[in-house]
Amino acid sequence: MKILCLVYGEEQALANMPDAHCVAYDDEIRRSGHCVASEALQPASTATTVRVRNGKVAVTDGPFAETKEFLAGFYMIEARDLNERFQLAARIPPAAVGSIEVRPIRPIRETVRANNLEETHGIR
């Protein structure tokens, strides 16, 4: 099962964490075959929020929510089960100063394609 681990934390606390710790963990989970993708994000001050309302596009500087903790990065991980999902997330270094939101990936492409096959070819 694919899961997305969203790394949240206060920017100053995350900035004080050595990047080498995160890179070492990234190397480890890539070697183990668990990591599908991972990236760190620039600070929230570089964010832009895009909204479409009534057909009109609105672009504003900054993140959507006013909060102390910001999204700092992500790891997309392949885990066997619920237990492994939480074990892998707990080892992400910023978990020590922030939090890791663990969310299953919704297989939207696969679901839509399967439904299209059913409708087109009567396959069930």
PDB file of N, CA and C in Angstrom:
ATOM      1  N   MET A   1       0.839  -1.170   0.000  1.00  0.00           N
ATOM      2  CA  MET A   1       0.000   0.000   0.000  1.00  0.00           C
ATOM      3  C   MET A   1       0.882   1.231   0.000  1.00  0.00           C
ATOM      4  N   LYS A   2       0.547   2.196  -0.859  1.00  0.00           N
ATOM      5  CA  LYS A   2       1.285   3.450  -0.901  1.00  0.00           C
ATOM      6  C   LYS A   2       0.696   4.424   0.099  1.00  0.00           C
ATOM      7  N   ILE A   3       1.592   5.113   0.806  1.00  0.00           N
ATOM      8  CA  ILE A   3       1.160   6.134   1.761  1.00  0.00           C
ATOM      9  C   ILE A   3       1.994   7.386   1.551  1.00  0.00           C
ATOM     10  N   LEU A   4       1.416   8.507   1.893  1.00  0.00           N
ATOM     11  CA  LEU A   4       2.141   9.765   1.844  1.00  0.00           C
ATOM     12  C   LEU A   4       2.370  10.223   3.271  1.00  0.00           C
ATOM     13  N   CYS A   5       3.606  10.457   3.609  1.00  0.00           N
ATOM     14  CA  CYS A   5       3.966  10.970   4.928  1.00  0.00           C
ATOM     15  C   CYS A   5       4.276  12.454   4.754  1.00  0.00           C
ATOM     16  N   LEU A   6       3.394  13.290   5.261  1.00  0.00           N
ATOM     17  CA  LEU A   6       3.559  14.738   5.169  1.00  0.00           C
ATOM     18  C   LEU A   6       4.272  15.231   6.418  1.00  0.00           C
ATOM     19  N   VAL A   7       5.375  15.924   6.237  1.00  0.00           N
ATOM     20  CA  VAL A   7       6.211  16.386   7.340  1.00  0.00           C
ATOM     21  C   VAL A   7       5.802  17.818   7.698  1.00  0.00           C
ATOM     22  N   TYR A   8       5.331  18.013   8.922  1.00  0.00           N
ATOM     23  CA  TYR A   8       4.926  19.323   9.409  1.00  0.00           C
ATOM     24  C   TYR A   8       5.791  19.721  10.596  1.00  0.00           C
ATOM     25  N   GLY A   9       6.026  21.006  10.730  1.00  0.00           N
ATOM     26  CA  GLY A   9       6.746  21.488  11.895  1.00  0.00           C
ATOM     27  C   GLY A   9       6.883  22.996  11.863  1.00  0.00           C
ATOM     28  N   GLU A  10       7.318  23.542  12.984  1.00  0.00           N
ATOM     29  CA  GLU A  10       7.619  24.970  13.043  1.00  0.00           C
ATOM     30  C   GLU A  10       8.892  25.189  12.243  1.00  0.00           C
ATOM     31  N   GLU A  11       8.875  26.201  11.406  1.00  0.00           N
ATOM     32  CA  GLU A  11      10.004  26.389  10.491  1.00  0.00           C
ATOM     33  C   GLU A  11      11.337  26.533  11.208  1.00  0.00           C
ATOM     34  N   GLN A  12      11.373  27.239  12.317  1.00  0.00           N
ATOM     35  CA  GLN A  12      12.645  27.422  13.012  1.00  0.00           C
ATOM     36  C   GLN A  12      13.159  26.097  13.570  1.00  0.00           C
ATOM     37  N   ALA A  13      12.286  25.304  14.141  1.00  0.00           N
ATOM     38  CA  ALA A  13      12.696  24.002  14.674  1.00  0.00           C
ATOM     39  C   ALA A  13      13.211  23.095  13.555  1.00  0.00           C
ATOM     40  N   LEU A  14      12.534  23.120  12.419  1.00  0.00           N
ATOM     41  CA  LEU A  14      12.979  22.295  11.294  1.00  0.00           C
ATOM     42  C   LEU A  14      14.286  22.821  10.711  1.00  0.00           C
ATOM     43  N   ALA A  15      14.450  24.141  10.686  1.00  0.00           N
ATOM     44  CA  ALA A  15      15.681  24.734  10.154  1.00  0.00           C
ATOM     45  C   ALA A  15      16.890  24.366  11.012  1.00  0.00           C
ATOM     46  N   ASN A  16      16.666  24.134  12.315  1.00  0.00           N
ATOM     47  CA  ASN A  16      17.760  23.774  13.221  1.00  0.00           C
ATOM     48  C   ASN A  16      18.135  22.296  13.128  1.00  0.00           C
ATOM     49  N   MET A  17      17.305  21.490  12.451  1.00  0.00           N
ATOM     50  CA  MET A  17      17.604  20.067  12.296  1.00  0.00           C
ATOM     51  C   MET A  17      18.597  19.898  11.149  1.00  0.00           C
ATOM     52  N   PRO A  18      19.690  19.174  11.366  1.00  0.00           N
ATOM     53  CA  PRO A  18      20.674  18.999  10.295  1.00  0.00           C
ATOM     54  C   PRO A  18      20.070  18.272   9.083  1.00  0.00           C
ATOM     55  N   ASP A  19      20.250  18.839   7.902  1.00  0.00           N
ATOM     56  CA  ASP A  19      19.753  18.204   6.679  1.00  0.00           C
ATOM     57  C   ASP A  19      20.321  16.803   6.505  1.00  0.00           C
ATOM     58  N   ALA A  20      21.528  16.596   6.997  1.00  0.00           N
ATOM     59  CA  ALA A  20      22.177  15.290   6.836  1.00  0.00           C
ATOM     60  C   ALA A  20      21.358  14.162   7.464  1.00  0.00           C
ATOM     61  N   HIS A  21      20.630  14.452   8.542  1.00  0.00           N
ATOM     62  CA  HIS A  21      19.798  13.424   9.185  1.00  0.00           C
ATOM     63  C   HIS A  21      18.687  12.985   8.235  1.00  0.00           C
ATOM     64  N   CYS A  22      18.055  13.955   7.581  1.00  0.00           N
ATOM     65  CA  CYS A  22      16.963  13.647   6.657  1.00  0.00           C
ATOM     66  C   CYS A  22      17.482  12.918   5.421  1.00  0.00           C
ATOM     67  N   VAL A  23      18.640  13.345   4.918  1.00  0.00           N
ATOM     68  CA  VAL A  23      19.218  12.702   3.741  1.00  0.00           C
ATOM     69  C   VAL A  23      19.630  11.267   4.074  1.00  0.00           C
ATOM     70  N   ALA A  24      20.156  11.041   5.256  1.00  0.00           N
ATOM     71  CA  ALA A  24      20.540   9.685   5.664  1.00  0.00           C
ATOM     72  C   ALA A  24      19.316   8.775   5.731  1.00  0.00           C
ATOM     73  N   TYR A  25      18.218   9.284   6.306  1.00  0.00           N
ATOM     74  CA  TYR A  25      16.992   8.482   6.353  1.00  0.00           C
ATOM     75  C   TYR A  25      16.475   8.226   4.939  1.00  0.00           C
ATOM     76  N   ASP A  26      16.510   9.245   4.101  1.00  0.00           N
ATOM     77  CA  ASP A  26      16.066   9.104   2.715  1.00  0.00           C
ATOM     78  C   ASP A  26      16.880   8.030   1.998  1.00  0.00           C
ATOM     79  N   ASP A  27      18.199   8.062   2.157  1.00  0.00           N
ATOM     80  CA  ASP A  27      19.055   7.034   1.540  1.00  0.00           C
ATOM     81  C   ASP A  27      18.672   5.644   2.043  1.00  0.00           C
ATOM     82  N   GLU A  28      18.420   5.545   3.337  1.00  0.00           N
ATOM     83  CA  GLU A  28      18.070   4.251   3.953  1.00  0.00           C
ATOM     84  C   GLU A  28      16.772   3.686   3.388  1.00  0.00           C
ATOM     85  N   ILE A  29      15.710   4.509   3.316  1.00  0.00           N
ATOM     86  CA  ILE A  29      14.437   3.949   2.850  1.00  0.00           C
ATOM     87  C   ILE A  29      14.424   3.727   1.340  1.00  0.00           C
ATOM     88  N   ARG A  30      15.271   4.455   0.609  1.00  0.00           N
ATOM     89  CA  ARG A  30      15.398   4.181  -0.826  1.00  0.00           C
ATOM     90  C   ARG A  30      16.099   2.841  -1.040  1.00  0.00           C
ATOM     91  N   ARG A  31      17.173   2.589  -0.282  1.00  0.00           N
ATOM     92  CA  ARG A  31      17.882   1.302  -0.393  1.00  0.00           C
ATOM     93  C   ARG A  31      16.970   0.142  -0.019  1.00  0.00           C
ATOM     94  N   SER A  32      16.091   0.347   0.962  1.00  0.00           N
ATOM     95  CA  SER A  32      15.209  -0.740   1.404  1.00  0.00           C
ATOM     96  C   SER A  32      14.080  -1.003   0.420  1.00  0.00           C
ATOM     97  N   GLY A  33      13.877  -0.090  -0.536  1.00  0.00           N
ATOM     98  CA  GLY A  33      12.804  -0.264  -1.512  1.00  0.00           C
ATOM     99  C   GLY A  33      11.476   0.315  -1.075  1.00  0.00           C
ATOM    100  N   HIS A  34      11.407   0.941   0.102  1.00  0.00           N
ATOM    101  CA  HIS A  34      10.160   1.511   0.604  1.00  0.00           C
ATOM    102  C   HIS A  34       9.820   2.863  -0.011  1.00  0.00           C
ATOM    103  N   CYS A  35      10.823   3.633  -0.403  1.00  0.00           N
ATOM    104  CA  CYS A  35      10.594   5.011  -0.852  1.00  0.00           C
ATOM    105  C   CYS A  35      10.215   5.047  -2.330  1.00  0.00           C
ATOM    106  N   VAL A  36       9.061   5.647  -2.611  1.00  0.00           N
ATOM    107  CA  VAL A  36       8.623   5.878  -3.982  1.00  0.00           C
ATOM    108  C   VAL A  36       9.111   7.250  -4.440  1.00  0.00           C
ATOM    109  N   ALA A  37       8.994   8.254  -3.567  1.00  0.00           N
ATOM    110  CA  ALA A  37       9.435   9.617  -3.867  1.00  0.00           C
ATOM    111  C   ALA A  37       9.568  10.378  -2.555  1.00  0.00           C
ATOM    112  N   SER A  38      10.416  11.405  -2.563  1.00  0.00           N
ATOM    113  CA  SER A  38      10.537  12.259  -1.382  1.00  0.00           C
ATOM    114  C   SER A  38      11.160  13.573  -1.792  1.00  0.00           C
ATOM    115  N   GLU A  39      10.752  14.634  -1.136  1.00  0.00           N
ATOM    116  CA  GLU A  39      11.312  15.958  -1.384  1.00  0.00           C
ATOM    117  C   GLU A  39      11.114  16.833  -0.155  1.00  0.00           C
ATOM    118  N   ALA A  40      12.040  17.744   0.046  1.00  0.00           N
ATOM    119  CA  ALA A  40      11.878  18.795   1.038  1.00  0.00           C
ATOM    120  C   ALA A  40      11.300  20.002   0.309  1.00  0.00           C
ATOM    121  N   LEU A  41      10.579  20.836   1.026  1.00  0.00           N
ATOM    122  CA  LEU A  41       9.973  22.021   0.430  1.00  0.00           C
ATOM    123  C   LEU A  41      10.680  23.279   0.908  1.00  0.00           C
ATOM    124  N   GLN A  42      10.624  24.314   0.087  1.00  0.00           N
ATOM    125  CA  GLN A  42      11.137  25.619   0.476  1.00  0.00           C
ATOM    126  C   GLN A  42      10.256  26.149   1.608  1.00  0.00           C
ATOM    127  N   PRO A  43      10.691  27.184   2.345  1.00  0.00           N
ATOM    128  CA  PRO A  43       9.888  27.723   3.450  1.00  0.00           C
ATOM    129  C   PRO A  43       8.499  28.178   2.994  1.00  0.00           C
ATOM    130  N   ALA A  44       7.566  28.203   3.927  1.00  0.00           N
ATOM    131  CA  ALA A  44       6.188  28.599   3.633  1.00  0.00           C
ATOM    132  C   ALA A  44       6.103  30.003   3.057  1.00  0.00           C
ATOM    133  N   SER A  45       7.074  30.848   3.368  1.00  0.00           N
ATOM    134  CA  SER A  45       7.059  32.220   2.844  1.00  0.00           C
ATOM    135  C   SER A  45       7.187  32.253   1.322  1.00  0.00           C
ATOM    136  N   THR A  46       7.639  31.156   0.715  1.00  0.00           N
ATOM    137  CA  THR A  46       7.767  31.094  -0.744  1.00  0.00           C
ATOM    138  C   THR A  46       6.509  30.544  -1.408  1.00  0.00           C
ATOM    139  N   ALA A  47       5.522  30.144  -0.611  1.00  0.00           N
ATOM    140  CA  ALA A  47       4.311  29.511  -1.145  1.00  0.00           C
ATOM    141  C   ALA A  47       3.380  30.522  -1.799  1.00  0.00           C
ATOM    142  N   THR A  48       2.593  30.016  -2.722  1.00  0.00           N
ATOM    143  CA  THR A  48       1.513  30.766  -3.347  1.00  0.00           C
ATOM    144  C   THR A  48       0.291  29.871  -3.321  1.00  0.00           C
ATOM    145  N   THR A  49      -0.866  30.446  -3.032  1.00  0.00           N
ATOM    146  CA  THR A  49      -2.105  29.670  -3.006  1.00  0.00           C
ATOM    147  C   THR A  49      -2.964  30.080  -4.197  1.00  0.00           C
ATOM    148  N   VAL A  50      -3.448  29.091  -4.942  1.00  0.00           N
ATOM    149  CA  VAL A  50      -4.302  29.321  -6.104  1.00  0.00           C
ATOM    150  C   VAL A  50      -5.686  28.777  -5.797  1.00  0.00           C
ATOM    151  N   ARG A  51      -6.704  29.603  -6.054  1.00  0.00           N
ATOM    152  CA  ARG A  51      -8.096  29.181  -5.880  1.00  0.00           C
ATOM    153  C   ARG A  51      -8.873  29.554  -7.141  1.00  0.00           C
ATOM    154  N   VAL A  52      -9.857  28.751  -7.498  1.00  0.00           N
ATOM    155  CA  VAL A  52     -10.773  29.084  -8.578  1.00  0.00           C
ATOM    156  C   VAL A  52     -12.166  29.125  -7.981  1.00  0.00           C
ATOM    157  N   ARG A  53     -12.812  30.273  -8.084  1.00  0.00           N
ATOM    158  CA  ARG A  53     -14.168  30.457  -7.566  1.00  0.00           C
ATOM    159  C   ARG A  53     -15.003  31.121  -8.653  1.00  0.00           C
ATOM    160  N   ASN A  54     -16.133  30.486  -8.970  1.00  0.00           N
ATOM    161  CA  ASN A  54     -17.023  31.029 -10.006  1.00  0.00           C
ATOM    162  C   ASN A  54     -16.262  31.312 -11.299  1.00  0.00           C
ATOM    163  N   GLY A  55     -15.339  30.420 -11.643  1.00  0.00           N
ATOM    164  CA  GLY A  55     -14.590  30.555 -12.882  1.00  0.00           C
ATOM    165  C   GLY A  55     -13.457  31.563 -12.849  1.00  0.00           C
ATOM    166  N   LYS A  56     -13.234  32.226 -11.732  1.00  0.00           N
ATOM    167  CA  LYS A  56     -12.174  33.229 -11.624  1.00  0.00           C
ATOM    168  C   LYS A  56     -11.022  32.682 -10.790  1.00  0.00           C
ATOM    169  N   VAL A  57      -9.810  32.912 -11.300  1.00  0.00           N
ATOM    170  CA  VAL A  57      -8.602  32.447 -10.624  1.00  0.00           C
ATOM    171  C   VAL A  57      -8.105  33.545  -9.690  1.00  0.00           C
ATOM    172  N   ALA A  58      -7.845  33.164  -8.446  1.00  0.00           N
ATOM    173  CA  ALA A  58      -7.271  34.091  -7.464  1.00  0.00           C
ATOM    174  C   ALA A  58      -5.942  33.503  -6.990  1.00  0.00           C
ATOM    175  N   VAL A  59      -4.898  34.307  -7.049  1.00  0.00           N
ATOM    176  CA  VAL A  59      -3.566  33.887  -6.616  1.00  0.00           C
ATOM    177  C   VAL A  59      -3.152  34.795  -5.466  1.00  0.00           C
ATOM    178  N   THR A  60      -2.808  34.174  -4.328  1.00  0.00           N
ATOM    179  CA  THR A  60      -2.371  34.949  -3.176  1.00  0.00           C
ATOM    180  C   THR A  60      -1.042  34.411  -2.671  1.00  0.00           C
ATOM    181  N   ASP A  61      -0.242  35.296  -2.111  1.00  0.00           N
ATOM    182  CA  ASP A  61       1.031  34.881  -1.537  1.00  0.00           C
ATOM    183  C   ASP A  61       0.787  34.136  -0.240  1.00  0.00           C
ATOM    184  N   GLY A  62       1.635  33.161   0.014  1.00  0.00           N
ATOM    185  CA  GLY A  62       1.607  32.462   1.284  1.00  0.00           C
ATOM    186  C   GLY A  62       0.750  31.212   1.275  1.00  0.00           C
ATOM    187  N   PRO A  63       0.852  30.454   2.337  1.00  0.00           N
ATOM    188  CA  PRO A  63       0.072  29.214   2.459  1.00  0.00           C
ATOM    189  C   PRO A  63      -1.389  29.535   2.757  1.00  0.00           C
ATOM    190  N   PHE A  64      -2.233  28.537   2.592  1.00  0.00           N
ATOM    191  CA  PHE A  64      -3.672  28.683   2.780  1.00  0.00           C
ATOM    192  C   PHE A  64      -4.032  29.006   4.224  1.00  0.00           C
ATOM    193  N   ALA A  65      -3.443  28.289   5.162  1.00  0.00           N
ATOM    194  CA  ALA A  65      -3.846  28.414   6.573  1.00  0.00           C
ATOM    195  C   ALA A  65      -2.820  29.207   7.375  1.00  0.00           C
ATOM    196  N   GLU A  66      -3.309  29.936   8.346  1.00  0.00           N
ATOM    197  CA  GLU A  66      -2.429  30.592   9.312  1.00  0.00           C
ATOM    198  C   GLU A  66      -2.191  29.596  10.442  1.00  0.00           C
ATOM    199  N   THR A  67      -0.974  29.177  10.585  1.00  0.00           N
ATOM    200  CA  THR A  67      -0.661  28.167  11.587  1.00  0.00           C
ATOM    201  C   THR A  67       0.816  28.261  11.960  1.00  0.00           C
ATOM    202  N   LYS A  68       1.179  27.696  13.098  1.00  0.00           N
ATOM    203  CA  LYS A  68       2.583  27.664  13.502  1.00  0.00           C
ATOM    204  C   LYS A  68       3.349  26.595  12.729  1.00  0.00           C
ATOM    205  N   GLU A  69       2.679  25.474  12.455  1.00  0.00           N
ATOM    206  CA  GLU A  69       3.348  24.378  11.759  1.00  0.00           C
ATOM    207  C   GLU A  69       3.011  24.418  10.279  1.00  0.00           C
ATOM    208  N   PHE A  70       4.038  24.260   9.459  1.00  0.00           N
ATOM    209  CA  PHE A  70       3.875  24.295   8.020  1.00  0.00           C
ATOM    210  C   PHE A  70       4.331  22.988   7.407  1.00  0.00           C
ATOM    211  N   LEU A  71       3.813  22.703   6.224  1.00  0.00           N
ATOM    212  CA  LEU A  71       4.245  21.538   5.466  1.00  0.00           C
ATOM    213  C   LEU A  71       5.682  21.772   5.016  1.00  0.00           C
ATOM    214  N   ALA A  72       6.575  20.882   5.410  1.00  0.00           N
ATOM    215  CA  ALA A  72       7.998  21.047   5.126  1.00  0.00           C
ATOM    216  C   ALA A  72       8.500  20.088   4.054  1.00  0.00           C
ATOM    217  N   GLY A  73       7.789  19.008   3.834  1.00  0.00           N
ATOM    218  CA  GLY A  73       8.231  18.032   2.849  1.00  0.00           C
ATOM    219  C   GLY A  73       7.364  16.802   2.896  1.00  0.00           C
ATOM    220  N   PHE A  74       7.748  15.805   2.101  1.00  0.00           N
ATOM    221  CA  PHE A  74       6.960  14.575   2.062  1.00  0.00           C
ATOM    222  C   PHE A  74       7.833  13.382   1.702  1.00  0.00           C
ATOM    223  N   TYR A  75       7.344  12.231   2.090  1.00  0.00           N
ATOM    224  CA  TYR A  75       7.894  10.943   1.657  1.00  0.00           C
ATOM    225  C   TYR A  75       6.713  10.129   1.166  1.00  0.00           C
ATOM    226  N   MET A  76       6.780   9.620  -0.055  1.00  0.00           N
ATOM    227  CA  MET A  76       5.781   8.648  -0.500  1.00  0.00           C
ATOM    228  C   MET A  76       6.425   7.283  -0.320  1.00  0.00           C
ATOM    229  N   ILE A  77       5.781   6.477   0.489  1.00  0.00           N
ATOM    230  CA  ILE A  77       6.371   5.215   0.934  1.00  0.00           C
ATOM    231  C   ILE A  77       5.453   4.060   0.577  1.00  0.00           C
ATOM    232  N   GLU A  78       6.059   2.944   0.250  1.00  0.00           N
ATOM    233  CA  GLU A  78       5.330   1.698   0.021  1.00  0.00           C
ATOM    234  C   GLU A  78       5.486   0.872   1.302  1.00  0.00           C
ATOM    235  N   ALA A  79       4.369   0.551   1.947  1.00  0.00           N
ATOM    236  CA  ALA A  79       4.397  -0.211   3.203  1.00  0.00           C
ATOM    237  C   ALA A  79       3.542  -1.463   3.068  1.00  0.00           C
ATOM    238  N   ARG A  80       3.957  -2.539   3.734  1.00  0.00           N
ATOM    239  CA  ARG A  80       3.218  -3.808   3.680  1.00  0.00           C
ATOM    240  C   ARG A  80       1.893  -3.722   4.413  1.00  0.00           C
ATOM    241  N   ASP A  81       1.915  -3.054   5.560  1.00  0.00           N
ATOM    242  CA  ASP A  81       0.722  -3.054   6.409  1.00  0.00           C
ATOM    243  C   ASP A  81       0.724  -1.822   7.302  1.00  0.00           C
ATOM    244  N   LEU A  82      -0.307  -1.716   8.128  1.00  0.00           N
ATOM    245  CA  LEU A  82      -0.481  -0.572   9.012  1.00  0.00           C
ATOM    246  C   LEU A  82       0.702  -0.414   9.967  1.00  0.00           C
ATOM    247  N   ASN A  83       1.179  -1.503  10.520  1.00  0.00           N
ATOM    248  CA  ASN A  83       2.290  -1.458  11.467  1.00  0.00           C
ATOM    249  C   ASN A  83       3.552  -0.898  10.804  1.00  0.00           C
ATOM    250  N   GLU A  84       3.884  -1.413   9.625  1.00  0.00           N
ATOM    251  CA  GLU A  84       5.078  -0.928   8.934  1.00  0.00           C
ATOM    252  C   GLU A  84       4.915   0.539   8.536  1.00  0.00           C
ATOM    253  N   ARG A  85       3.729   0.935   8.176  1.00  0.00           N
ATOM    254  CA  ARG A  85       3.438   2.330   7.817  1.00  0.00           C
ATOM    255  C   ARG A  85       3.853   3.261   8.956  1.00  0.00           C
ATOM    256  N   PHE A  86       3.430   2.929  10.183  1.00  0.00           N
ATOM    257  CA  PHE A  86       3.727   3.792  11.325  1.00  0.00           C
ATOM    258  C   PHE A  86       5.184   3.694  11.765  1.00  0.00           C
ATOM    259  N   GLN A  87       5.782   2.525  11.627  1.00  0.00           N
ATOM    260  CA  GLN A  87       7.202   2.384  11.965  1.00  0.00           C
ATOM    261  C   GLN A  87       8.070   3.248  11.061  1.00  0.00           C
ATOM    262  N   LEU A  88       7.791   3.222   9.754  1.00  0.00           N
ATOM    263  CA  LEU A  88       8.561   4.029   8.810  1.00  0.00           C
ATOM    264  C   LEU A  88       8.366   5.519   9.072  1.00  0.00           C
ATOM    265  N   ALA A  89       7.131   5.932   9.315  1.00  0.00           N
ATOM    266  CA  ALA A  89       6.844   7.350   9.566  1.00  0.00           C
ATOM    267  C   ALA A  89       7.522   7.829  10.849  1.00  0.00           C
ATOM    268  N   ALA A  90       7.553   7.003  11.865  1.00  0.00           N
ATOM    269  CA  ALA A  90       8.142   7.395  13.150  1.00  0.00           C
ATOM    270  C   ALA A  90       9.642   7.624  13.046  1.00  0.00           C
ATOM    271  N   ARG A  91      10.286   7.025  12.040  1.00  0.00           N
ATOM    272  CA  ARG A  91      11.733   7.175  11.880  1.00  0.00           C
ATOM    273  C   ARG A  91      12.111   8.402  11.054  1.00  0.00           C
ATOM    274  N   ILE A  92      11.131   9.109  10.482  1.00  0.00           N
ATOM    275  CA  ILE A  92      11.443  10.332   9.737  1.00  0.00           C
ATOM    276  C   ILE A  92      11.972  11.352  10.745  1.00  0.00           C
ATOM    277  N   PRO A  93      13.198  11.846  10.577  1.00  0.00           N
ATOM    278  CA  PRO A  93      13.824  12.689  11.600  1.00  0.00           C
ATOM    279  C   PRO A  93      12.993  13.867  12.105  1.00  0.00           C
ATOM    280  N   PRO A  94      12.290  14.638  11.264  1.00  0.00           N
ATOM    281  CA  PRO A  94      11.519  15.762  11.803  1.00  0.00           C
ATOM    282  C   PRO A  94      10.356  15.356  12.723  1.00  0.00           C
ATOM    283  N   ALA A  95      10.060  14.080  12.833  1.00  0.00           N
ATOM    284  CA  ALA A  95       9.032  13.644  13.784  1.00  0.00           C
ATOM    285  C   ALA A  95       9.427  14.030  15.212  1.00  0.00           C
ATOM    286  N   ALA A  96      10.726  14.210  15.432  1.00  0.00           N
ATOM    287  CA  ALA A  96      11.216  14.568  16.771  1.00  0.00           C
ATOM    288  C   ALA A  96      10.907  16.008  17.153  1.00  0.00           C
ATOM    289  N   VAL A  97      10.674  16.876  16.146  1.00  0.00           N
ATOM    290  CA  VAL A  97      10.401  18.280  16.449  1.00  0.00           C
ATOM    291  C   VAL A  97       9.080  18.767  15.859  1.00  0.00           C
ATOM    292  N   GLY A  98       8.471  17.965  15.029  1.00  0.00           N
ATOM    293  CA  GLY A  98       7.211  18.332  14.382  1.00  0.00           C
ATOM    294  C   GLY A  98       6.255  17.156  14.407  1.00  0.00           C
ATOM    295  N   SER A  99       5.567  16.951  13.302  1.00  0.00           N
ATOM    296  CA  SER A  99       4.653  15.811  13.211  1.00  0.00           C
ATOM    297  C   SER A  99       4.653  15.280  11.789  1.00  0.00           C
ATOM    298  N   ILE A 100       4.261  14.027  11.664  1.00  0.00           N
ATOM    299  CA  ILE A 100       4.179  13.365  10.369  1.00  0.00           C
ATOM    300  C   ILE A 100       2.734  12.925  10.171  1.00  0.00           C
ATOM    301  N   GLU A 101       2.073  13.501   9.180  1.00  0.00           N
ATOM    302  CA  GLU A 101       0.717  13.059   8.839  1.00  0.00           C
ATOM    303  C   GLU A 101       0.853  11.897   7.876  1.00  0.00           C
ATOM    304  N   VAL A 102       0.245  10.768   8.226  1.00  0.00           N
ATOM    305  CA  VAL A 102       0.322   9.563   7.408  1.00  0.00           C
ATOM    306  C   VAL A 102      -1.029   9.367   6.732  1.00  0.00           C
ATOM    307  N   ARG A 103      -1.019   9.383   5.407  1.00  0.00           N
ATOM    308  CA  ARG A 103      -2.280   9.301   4.673  1.00  0.00           C
ATOM    309  C   ARG A 103      -2.155   8.330   3.512  1.00  0.00           C
ATOM    310  N   PRO A 104      -3.072   7.350   3.414  1.00  0.00           N
ATOM    311  CA  PRO A 104      -3.037   6.416   2.277  1.00  0.00           C
ATOM    312  C   PRO A 104      -3.292   7.148   0.957  1.00  0.00           C
ATOM    313  N   ILE A 105      -2.666   6.641  -0.078  1.00  0.00           N
ATOM    314  CA  ILE A 105      -2.883   7.167  -1.427  1.00  0.00           C
ATOM    315  C   ILE A 105      -4.195   6.595  -1.957  1.00  0.00           C
ATOM    316  N   ARG A 106      -5.009   7.444  -2.554  1.00  0.00           N
ATOM    317  CA  ARG A 106      -6.268   7.002  -3.170  1.00  0.00           C
ATOM    318  C   ARG A 106      -5.969   6.651  -4.618  1.00  0.00           C
ATOM    319  N   PRO A 107      -6.180   5.413  -5.018  1.00  0.00           N
ATOM    320  CA  PRO A 107      -5.813   4.993  -6.377  1.00  0.00           C
ATOM    321  C   PRO A 107      -6.819   5.499  -7.422  1.00  0.00           C
ATOM    322  N   ILE A 108      -6.890   6.801  -7.590  1.00  0.00           N
ATOM    323  CA  ILE A 108      -7.906   7.414  -8.445  1.00  0.00           C
ATOM    324  C   ILE A 108      -7.756   6.993  -9.910  1.00  0.00           C
ATOM    325  N   ARG A 109      -6.531   6.988 -10.444  1.00  0.00           N
ATOM    326  CA  ARG A 109      -6.347   6.611 -11.843  1.00  0.00           C
ATOM    327  C   ARG A 109      -6.781   5.181 -12.090  1.00  0.00           C
ATOM    328  N   GLU A 110      -6.375   4.288 -11.208  1.00  0.00           N
ATOM    329  CA  GLU A 110      -6.720   2.884 -11.377  1.00  0.00           C
ATOM    330  C   GLU A 110      -8.236   2.672 -11.300  1.00  0.00           C
ATOM    331  N   THR A 111      -8.885   3.375 -10.380  1.00  0.00           N
ATOM    332  CA  THR A 111     -10.330   3.240 -10.206  1.00  0.00           C
ATOM    333  C   THR A 111     -11.074   3.748 -11.435  1.00  0.00           C
ATOM    334  N   VAL A 112     -10.687   4.917 -11.940  1.00  0.00           N
ATOM    335  CA  VAL A 112     -11.350   5.484 -13.120  1.00  0.00           C
ATOM    336  C   VAL A 112     -11.124   4.595 -14.327  1.00  0.00           C
ATOM    337  N   ARG A 113      -9.901   4.126 -14.527  1.00  0.00           N
ATOM    338  CA  ARG A 113      -9.622   3.252 -15.678  1.00  0.00           C
ATOM    339  C   ARG A 113     -10.409   1.955 -15.589  1.00  0.00           C
ATOM    340  N   ALA A 114     -10.491   1.375 -14.403  1.00  0.00           N
ATOM    341  CA  ALA A 114     -11.264   0.137 -14.232  1.00  0.00           C
ATOM    342  C   ALA A 114     -12.739   0.386 -14.533  1.00  0.00           C
ATOM    343  N   ASN A 115     -13.275   1.508 -14.064  1.00  0.00           N
ATOM    344  CA  ASN A 115     -14.676   1.840 -14.334  1.00  0.00           C
ATOM    345  C   ASN A 115     -14.911   2.057 -15.821  1.00  0.00           C
ATOM    346  N   ASN A 116     -13.956   2.699 -16.501  1.00  0.00           N
ATOM    347  CA  ASN A 116     -14.081   2.914 -17.950  1.00  0.00           C
ATOM    348  C   ASN A 116     -14.080   1.593 -18.701  1.00  0.00           C
ATOM    349  N   LEU A 117     -13.238   0.657 -18.274  1.00  0.00           N
ATOM    350  CA  LEU A 117     -13.218  -0.670 -18.897  1.00  0.00           C
ATOM    351  C   LEU A 117     -14.554  -1.374 -18.718  1.00  0.00           C
ATOM    352  N   GLU A 118     -15.101  -1.281 -17.527  1.00  0.00           N
ATOM    353  CA  GLU A 118     -16.399  -1.899 -17.247  1.00  0.00           C
ATOM    354  C   GLU A 118     -17.479  -1.323 -18.147  1.00  0.00           C
ATOM    355  N   GLU A 119     -17.504   0.005 -18.269  1.00  0.00           N
ATOM    356  CA  GLU A 119     -18.528   0.663 -19.072  1.00  0.00           C
ATOM    357  C   GLU A 119     -18.354   0.376 -20.562  1.00  0.00           C
ATOM    358  N   THR A 120     -17.104   0.399 -21.024  1.00  0.00           N
ATOM    359  CA  THR A 120     -16.814   0.228 -22.458  1.00  0.00           C
ATOM    360  C   THR A 120     -16.966  -1.216 -22.915  1.00  0.00           C
ATOM    361  N   HIS A 121     -16.480  -2.139 -22.086  1.00  0.00           N
ATOM    362  CA  HIS A 121     -16.412  -3.539 -22.503  1.00  0.00           C
ATOM    363  C   HIS A 121     -17.285  -4.477 -21.694  1.00  0.00           C
ATOM    364  N   GLY A 122     -18.017  -3.950 -20.768  1.00  0.00           N
ATOM    365  CA  GLY A 122     -18.867  -4.795 -19.932  1.00  0.00           C
ATOM    366  C   GLY A 122     -18.071  -5.708 -19.019  1.00  0.00           C
ATOM    367  N   ILE A 123     -16.810  -5.340 -18.746  1.00  0.00           N
ATOM    368  CA  ILE A 123     -15.940  -6.159 -17.890  1.00  0.00           C
ATOM    369  C   ILE A 123     -16.255  -5.851 -16.431  1.00  0.00           C
ATOM    370  N   ARG A 124     -16.406  -6.865 -15.655  1.00  0.00           N
ATOM    371  CA  ARG A 124     -16.648  -6.706 -14.213  1.00  0.00           C
ATOM    372  C   ARG A 124     -15.655  -7.518 -13.434  1.00  0.00           C
TER     373      ARG A 124
END
